[in-house]
Amino acid sequence: MPHVIGNNCADNVWDVLHAYGVPDLPYLQLLPAPNHWYGALGHTANVDWARSTTL
């Protein structure tokens, strides 16, 4: 059985976006269901991806 709480697709996406410096990510604790979290995420069209070159 997969480990769903604390290690689901939303957690993994949050980790990647946070590492790239995406601001104002929704709190996973407030939106534990991935579909609700993705709905609150919005878009990342205005993120300055070039800032994160140290990965």
PDB file of N, CA and C in Angstrom:
ATOM      1  N   MET A   1       0.845  -1.183   0.000  1.00  0.00           N
ATOM      2  CA  MET A   1       0.000   0.000   0.000  1.00  0.00           C
ATOM      3  C   MET A   1       0.891   1.248   0.000  1.00  0.00           C
ATOM      4  N   PRO A   2       0.612   2.199  -0.881  1.00  0.00           N
ATOM      5  CA  PRO A   2       1.438   3.411  -0.933  1.00  0.00           C
ATOM      6  C   PRO A   2       1.249   4.268   0.316  1.00  0.00           C
ATOM      7  N   HIS A   3       2.274   4.997   0.656  1.00  0.00           N
ATOM      8  CA  HIS A   3       2.223   5.917   1.792  1.00  0.00           C
ATOM      9  C   HIS A   3       1.593   7.213   1.306  1.00  0.00           C
ATOM     10  N   VAL A   4       0.304   7.403   1.604  1.00  0.00           N
ATOM     11  CA  VAL A   4      -0.461   8.509   1.033  1.00  0.00           C
ATOM     12  C   VAL A   4      -0.340   9.787   1.851  1.00  0.00           C
ATOM     13  N   ILE A   5      -0.387   9.691   3.168  1.00  0.00           N
ATOM     14  CA  ILE A   5      -0.364  10.888   4.004  1.00  0.00           C
ATOM     15  C   ILE A   5       1.082  11.320   4.209  1.00  0.00           C
ATOM     16  N   GLY A   6       1.408  12.510   3.738  1.00  0.00           N
ATOM     17  CA  GLY A   6       2.751  13.049   3.905  1.00  0.00           C
ATOM     18  C   GLY A   6       3.726  12.660   2.809  1.00  0.00           C
ATOM     19  N   ASN A   7       3.294  11.841   1.874  1.00  0.00           N
ATOM     20  CA  ASN A   7       4.172  11.458   0.760  1.00  0.00           C
ATOM     21  C   ASN A   7       3.325  11.115  -0.456  1.00  0.00           C
ATOM     22  N   ASN A   8       2.479  12.059  -0.857  1.00  0.00           N
ATOM     23  CA  ASN A   8       1.663  11.835  -2.044  1.00  0.00           C
ATOM     24  C   ASN A   8       2.126  12.772  -3.160  1.00  0.00           C
ATOM     25  N   CYS A   9       1.416  12.785  -4.269  1.00  0.00           N
ATOM     26  CA  CYS A   9       1.842  13.583  -5.417  1.00  0.00           C
ATOM     27  C   CYS A   9       1.903  15.075  -5.097  1.00  0.00           C
ATOM     28  N   ALA A  10       0.982  15.562  -4.263  1.00  0.00           N
ATOM     29  CA  ALA A  10       1.011  16.982  -3.901  1.00  0.00           C
ATOM     30  C   ALA A  10       2.252  17.306  -3.067  1.00  0.00           C
ATOM     31  N   ASP A  11       2.628  16.417  -2.159  1.00  0.00           N
ATOM     32  CA  ASP A  11       3.840  16.634  -1.364  1.00  0.00           C
ATOM     33  C   ASP A  11       5.075  16.685  -2.253  1.00  0.00           C
ATOM     34  N   ASN A  12       5.133  15.805  -3.217  1.00  0.00           N
ATOM     35  CA  ASN A  12       6.289  15.773  -4.118  1.00  0.00           C
ATOM     36  C   ASN A  12       6.352  17.014  -4.994  1.00  0.00           C
ATOM     37  N   VAL A  13       5.211  17.457  -5.501  1.00  0.00           N
ATOM     38  CA  VAL A  13       5.179  18.675  -6.314  1.00  0.00           C
ATOM     39  C   VAL A  13       5.546  19.885  -5.462  1.00  0.00           C
ATOM     40  N   TRP A  14       5.046  19.942  -4.223  1.00  0.00           N
ATOM     41  CA  TRP A  14       5.387  21.043  -3.322  1.00  0.00           C
ATOM     42  C   TRP A  14       6.894  21.105  -3.116  1.00  0.00           C
ATOM     43  N   ASP A  15       7.524  19.946  -2.893  1.00  0.00           N
ATOM     44  CA  ASP A  15       8.974  19.911  -2.679  1.00  0.00           C
ATOM     45  C   ASP A  15       9.735  20.475  -3.877  1.00  0.00           C
ATOM     46  N   VAL A  16       9.326  20.107  -5.074  1.00  0.00           N
ATOM     47  CA  VAL A  16      10.011  20.576  -6.285  1.00  0.00           C
ATOM     48  C   VAL A  16       9.791  22.073  -6.482  1.00  0.00           C
ATOM     49  N   LEU A  17       8.540  22.523  -6.381  1.00  0.00           N
ATOM     50  CA  LEU A  17       8.259  23.944  -6.580  1.00  0.00           C
ATOM     51  C   LEU A  17       8.935  24.799  -5.508  1.00  0.00           C
ATOM     52  N   HIS A  18       8.953  24.317  -4.283  1.00  0.00           N
ATOM     53  CA  HIS A  18       9.630  25.041  -3.202  1.00  0.00           C
ATOM     54  C   HIS A  18      11.133  25.129  -3.479  1.00  0.00           C
ATOM     55  N   ALA A  19      11.717  24.051  -3.972  1.00  0.00           N
ATOM     56  CA  ALA A  19      13.149  24.045  -4.293  1.00  0.00           C
ATOM     57  C   ALA A  19      13.465  25.047  -5.406  1.00  0.00           C
ATOM     58  N   TYR A  20      12.538  25.254  -6.315  1.00  0.00           N
ATOM     59  CA  TYR A  20      12.746  26.221  -7.392  1.00  0.00           C
ATOM     60  C   TYR A  20      12.376  27.642  -6.988  1.00  0.00           C
ATOM     61  N   GLY A  21      11.947  27.826  -5.760  1.00  0.00           N
ATOM     62  CA  GLY A  21      11.680  29.175  -5.269  1.00  0.00           C
ATOM     63  C   GLY A  21      10.328  29.739  -5.623  1.00  0.00           C
ATOM     64  N   VAL A  22       9.351  28.894  -5.905  1.00  0.00           N
ATOM     65  CA  VAL A  22       8.012  29.388  -6.229  1.00  0.00           C
ATOM     66  C   VAL A  22       7.398  29.980  -4.963  1.00  0.00           C
ATOM     67  N   PRO A  23       6.977  31.235  -5.010  1.00  0.00           N
ATOM     68  CA  PRO A  23       6.430  31.887  -3.815  1.00  0.00           C
ATOM     69  C   PRO A  23       4.959  31.534  -3.591  1.00  0.00           C
ATOM     70  N   ASP A  24       4.516  31.712  -2.371  1.00  0.00           N
ATOM     71  CA  ASP A  24       3.098  31.634  -2.000  1.00  0.00           C
ATOM     72  C   ASP A  24       2.454  30.289  -2.329  1.00  0.00           C
ATOM     73  N   LEU A  25       3.149  29.209  -2.055  1.00  0.00           N
ATOM     74  CA  LEU A  25       2.549  27.887  -2.262  1.00  0.00           C
ATOM     75  C   LEU A  25       1.471  27.650  -1.203  1.00  0.00           C
ATOM     76  N   PRO A  26       0.349  27.043  -1.591  1.00  0.00           N
ATOM     77  CA  PRO A  26      -0.686  26.735  -0.595  1.00  0.00           C
ATOM     78  C   PRO A  26      -0.152  25.745   0.441  1.00  0.00           C
ATOM     79  N   TYR A  27      -0.626  25.864   1.670  1.00  0.00           N
ATOM     80  CA  TYR A  27      -0.208  24.954   2.726  1.00  0.00           C
ATOM     81  C   TYR A  27      -0.840  23.584   2.518  1.00  0.00           C
ATOM     82  N   LEU A  28      -0.034  22.558   2.466  1.00  0.00           N
ATOM     83  CA  LEU A  28      -0.543  21.198   2.311  1.00  0.00           C
ATOM     84  C   LEU A  28      -1.365  20.769   3.519  1.00  0.00           C
ATOM     85  N   GLN A  29      -1.044  21.295   4.695  1.00  0.00           N
ATOM     86  CA  GLN A  29      -1.767  20.921   5.901  1.00  0.00           C
ATOM     87  C   GLN A  29      -3.217  21.402   5.867  1.00  0.00           C
ATOM     88  N   LEU A  30      -3.473  22.503   5.172  1.00  0.00           N
ATOM     89  CA  LEU A  30      -4.827  23.031   5.083  1.00  0.00           C
ATOM     90  C   LEU A  30      -5.624  22.393   3.958  1.00  0.00           C
ATOM     91  N   LEU A  31      -4.940  21.838   2.986  1.00  0.00           N
ATOM     92  CA  LEU A  31      -5.583  21.207   1.829  1.00  0.00           C
ATOM     93  C   LEU A  31      -4.964  19.823   1.620  1.00  0.00           C
ATOM     94  N   PRO A  32      -5.273  18.863   2.502  1.00  0.00           N
ATOM     95  CA  PRO A  32      -4.578  17.574   2.456  1.00  0.00           C
ATOM     96  C   PRO A  32      -4.910  16.716   1.240  1.00  0.00           C
ATOM     97  N   ALA A  33      -6.054  16.925   0.612  1.00  0.00           N
ATOM     98  CA  ALA A  33      -6.405  16.137  -0.574  1.00  0.00           C
ATOM     99  C   ALA A  33      -5.704  16.744  -1.790  1.00  0.00           C
ATOM    100  N   PRO A  34      -4.940  15.955  -2.545  1.00  0.00           N
ATOM    101  CA  PRO A  34      -4.186  16.510  -3.679  1.00  0.00           C
ATOM    102  C   PRO A  34      -5.049  17.316  -4.655  1.00  0.00           C
ATOM    103  N   ASN A  35      -6.258  16.872  -4.962  1.00  0.00           N
ATOM    104  CA  ASN A  35      -7.094  17.614  -5.915  1.00  0.00           C
ATOM    105  C   ASN A  35      -7.420  19.008  -5.400  1.00  0.00           C
ATOM    106  N   HIS A  36      -7.666  19.148  -4.111  1.00  0.00           N
ATOM    107  CA  HIS A  36      -7.953  20.468  -3.546  1.00  0.00           C
ATOM    108  C   HIS A  36      -6.699  21.335  -3.558  1.00  0.00           C
ATOM    109  N   TRP A  37      -5.554  20.731  -3.263  1.00  0.00           N
ATOM    110  CA  TRP A  37      -4.305  21.482  -3.259  1.00  0.00           C
ATOM    111  C   TRP A  37      -3.970  21.986  -4.657  1.00  0.00           C
ATOM    112  N   TYR A  38      -4.097  21.115  -5.664  1.00  0.00           N
ATOM    113  CA  TYR A  38      -3.828  21.531  -7.039  1.00  0.00           C
ATOM    114  C   TYR A  38      -4.785  22.632  -7.480  1.00  0.00           C
ATOM    115  N   GLY A  39      -6.036  22.556  -7.035  1.00  0.00           N
ATOM    116  CA  GLY A  39      -7.002  23.599  -7.361  1.00  0.00           C
ATOM    117  C   GLY A  39      -6.612  24.948  -6.772  1.00  0.00           C
ATOM    118  N   ALA A  40      -6.042  24.935  -5.576  1.00  0.00           N
ATOM    119  CA  ALA A  40      -5.623  26.175  -4.918  1.00  0.00           C
ATOM    120  C   ALA A  40      -4.289  26.680  -5.437  1.00  0.00           C
ATOM    121  N   LEU A  41      -3.544  25.829  -6.117  1.00  0.00           N
ATOM    122  CA  LEU A  41      -2.206  26.191  -6.582  1.00  0.00           C
ATOM    123  C   LEU A  41      -2.241  27.315  -7.599  1.00  0.00           C
ATOM    124  N   GLY A  42      -3.206  27.298  -8.490  1.00  0.00           N
ATOM    125  CA  GLY A  42      -3.258  28.325  -9.526  1.00  0.00           C
ATOM    126  C   GLY A  42      -2.249  28.032 -10.622  1.00  0.00           C
ATOM    127  N   HIS A  43      -1.471  29.029 -10.994  1.00  0.00           N
ATOM    128  CA  HIS A  43      -0.499  28.843 -12.065  1.00  0.00           C
ATOM    129  C   HIS A  43       0.852  29.391 -11.640  1.00  0.00           C
ATOM    130  N   THR A  44       1.864  29.028 -12.377  1.00  0.00           N
ATOM    131  CA  THR A  44       3.223  29.485 -12.066  1.00  0.00           C
ATOM    132  C   THR A  44       3.805  30.246 -13.257  1.00  0.00           C
ATOM    133  N   ALA A  45       2.962  30.900 -14.030  1.00  0.00           N
ATOM    134  CA  ALA A  45       3.419  31.579 -15.239  1.00  0.00           C
ATOM    135  C   ALA A  45       4.343  32.757 -14.940  1.00  0.00           C
ATOM    136  N   ASN A  46       4.189  33.392 -13.783  1.00  0.00           N
ATOM    137  CA  ASN A  46       4.978  34.588 -13.486  1.00  0.00           C
ATOM    138  C   ASN A  46       6.171  34.316 -12.573  1.00  0.00           C
ATOM    139  N   VAL A  47       6.537  33.071 -12.415  1.00  0.00           N
ATOM    140  CA  VAL A  47       7.659  32.715 -11.544  1.00  0.00           C
ATOM    141  C   VAL A  47       8.969  32.920 -12.295  1.00  0.00           C
ATOM    142  N   ASP A  48       9.931  33.502 -11.618  1.00  0.00           N
ATOM    143  CA  ASP A  48      11.257  33.706 -12.212  1.00  0.00           C
ATOM    144  C   ASP A  48      12.083  32.432 -12.007  1.00  0.00           C
ATOM    145  N   TRP A  49      11.976  31.497 -12.951  1.00  0.00           N
ATOM    146  CA  TRP A  49      12.657  30.213 -12.844  1.00  0.00           C
ATOM    147  C   TRP A  49      14.178  30.369 -12.882  1.00  0.00           C
ATOM    148  N   ALA A  50      14.687  31.417 -13.476  1.00  0.00           N
ATOM    149  CA  ALA A  50      16.132  31.607 -13.590  1.00  0.00           C
ATOM    150  C   ALA A  50      16.792  31.891 -12.236  1.00  0.00           C
ATOM    151  N   ARG A  51      16.020  32.288 -11.221  1.00  0.00           N
ATOM    152  CA  ARG A  51      16.589  32.562  -9.903  1.00  0.00           C
ATOM    153  C   ARG A  51      17.172  31.308  -9.258  1.00  0.00           C
ATOM    154  N   SER A  52      16.635  30.164  -9.599  1.00  0.00           N
ATOM    155  CA  SER A  52      17.034  28.916  -8.936  1.00  0.00           C
ATOM    156  C   SER A  52      18.013  28.132  -9.805  1.00  0.00           C
ATOM    157  N   THR A  53      19.228  28.573  -9.814  1.00  0.00           N
ATOM    158  CA  THR A  53      20.255  27.883 -10.622  1.00  0.00           C
ATOM    159  C   THR A  53      21.224  27.120  -9.747  1.00  0.00           C
ATOM    160  N   THR A  54      20.969  27.076  -8.441  1.00  0.00           N
ATOM    161  CA  THR A  54      21.907  26.429  -7.529  1.00  0.00           C
ATOM    162  C   THR A  54      21.509  25.000  -7.198  1.00  0.00           C
ATOM    163  N   LEU A  55      20.541  24.440  -7.882  1.00  0.00           N
ATOM    164  CA  LEU A  55      20.114  23.061  -7.576  1.00  0.00           C
ATOM    165  C   LEU A  55      21.121  22.060  -8.049  1.00  0.00           C
TER     166      LEU A  55
END
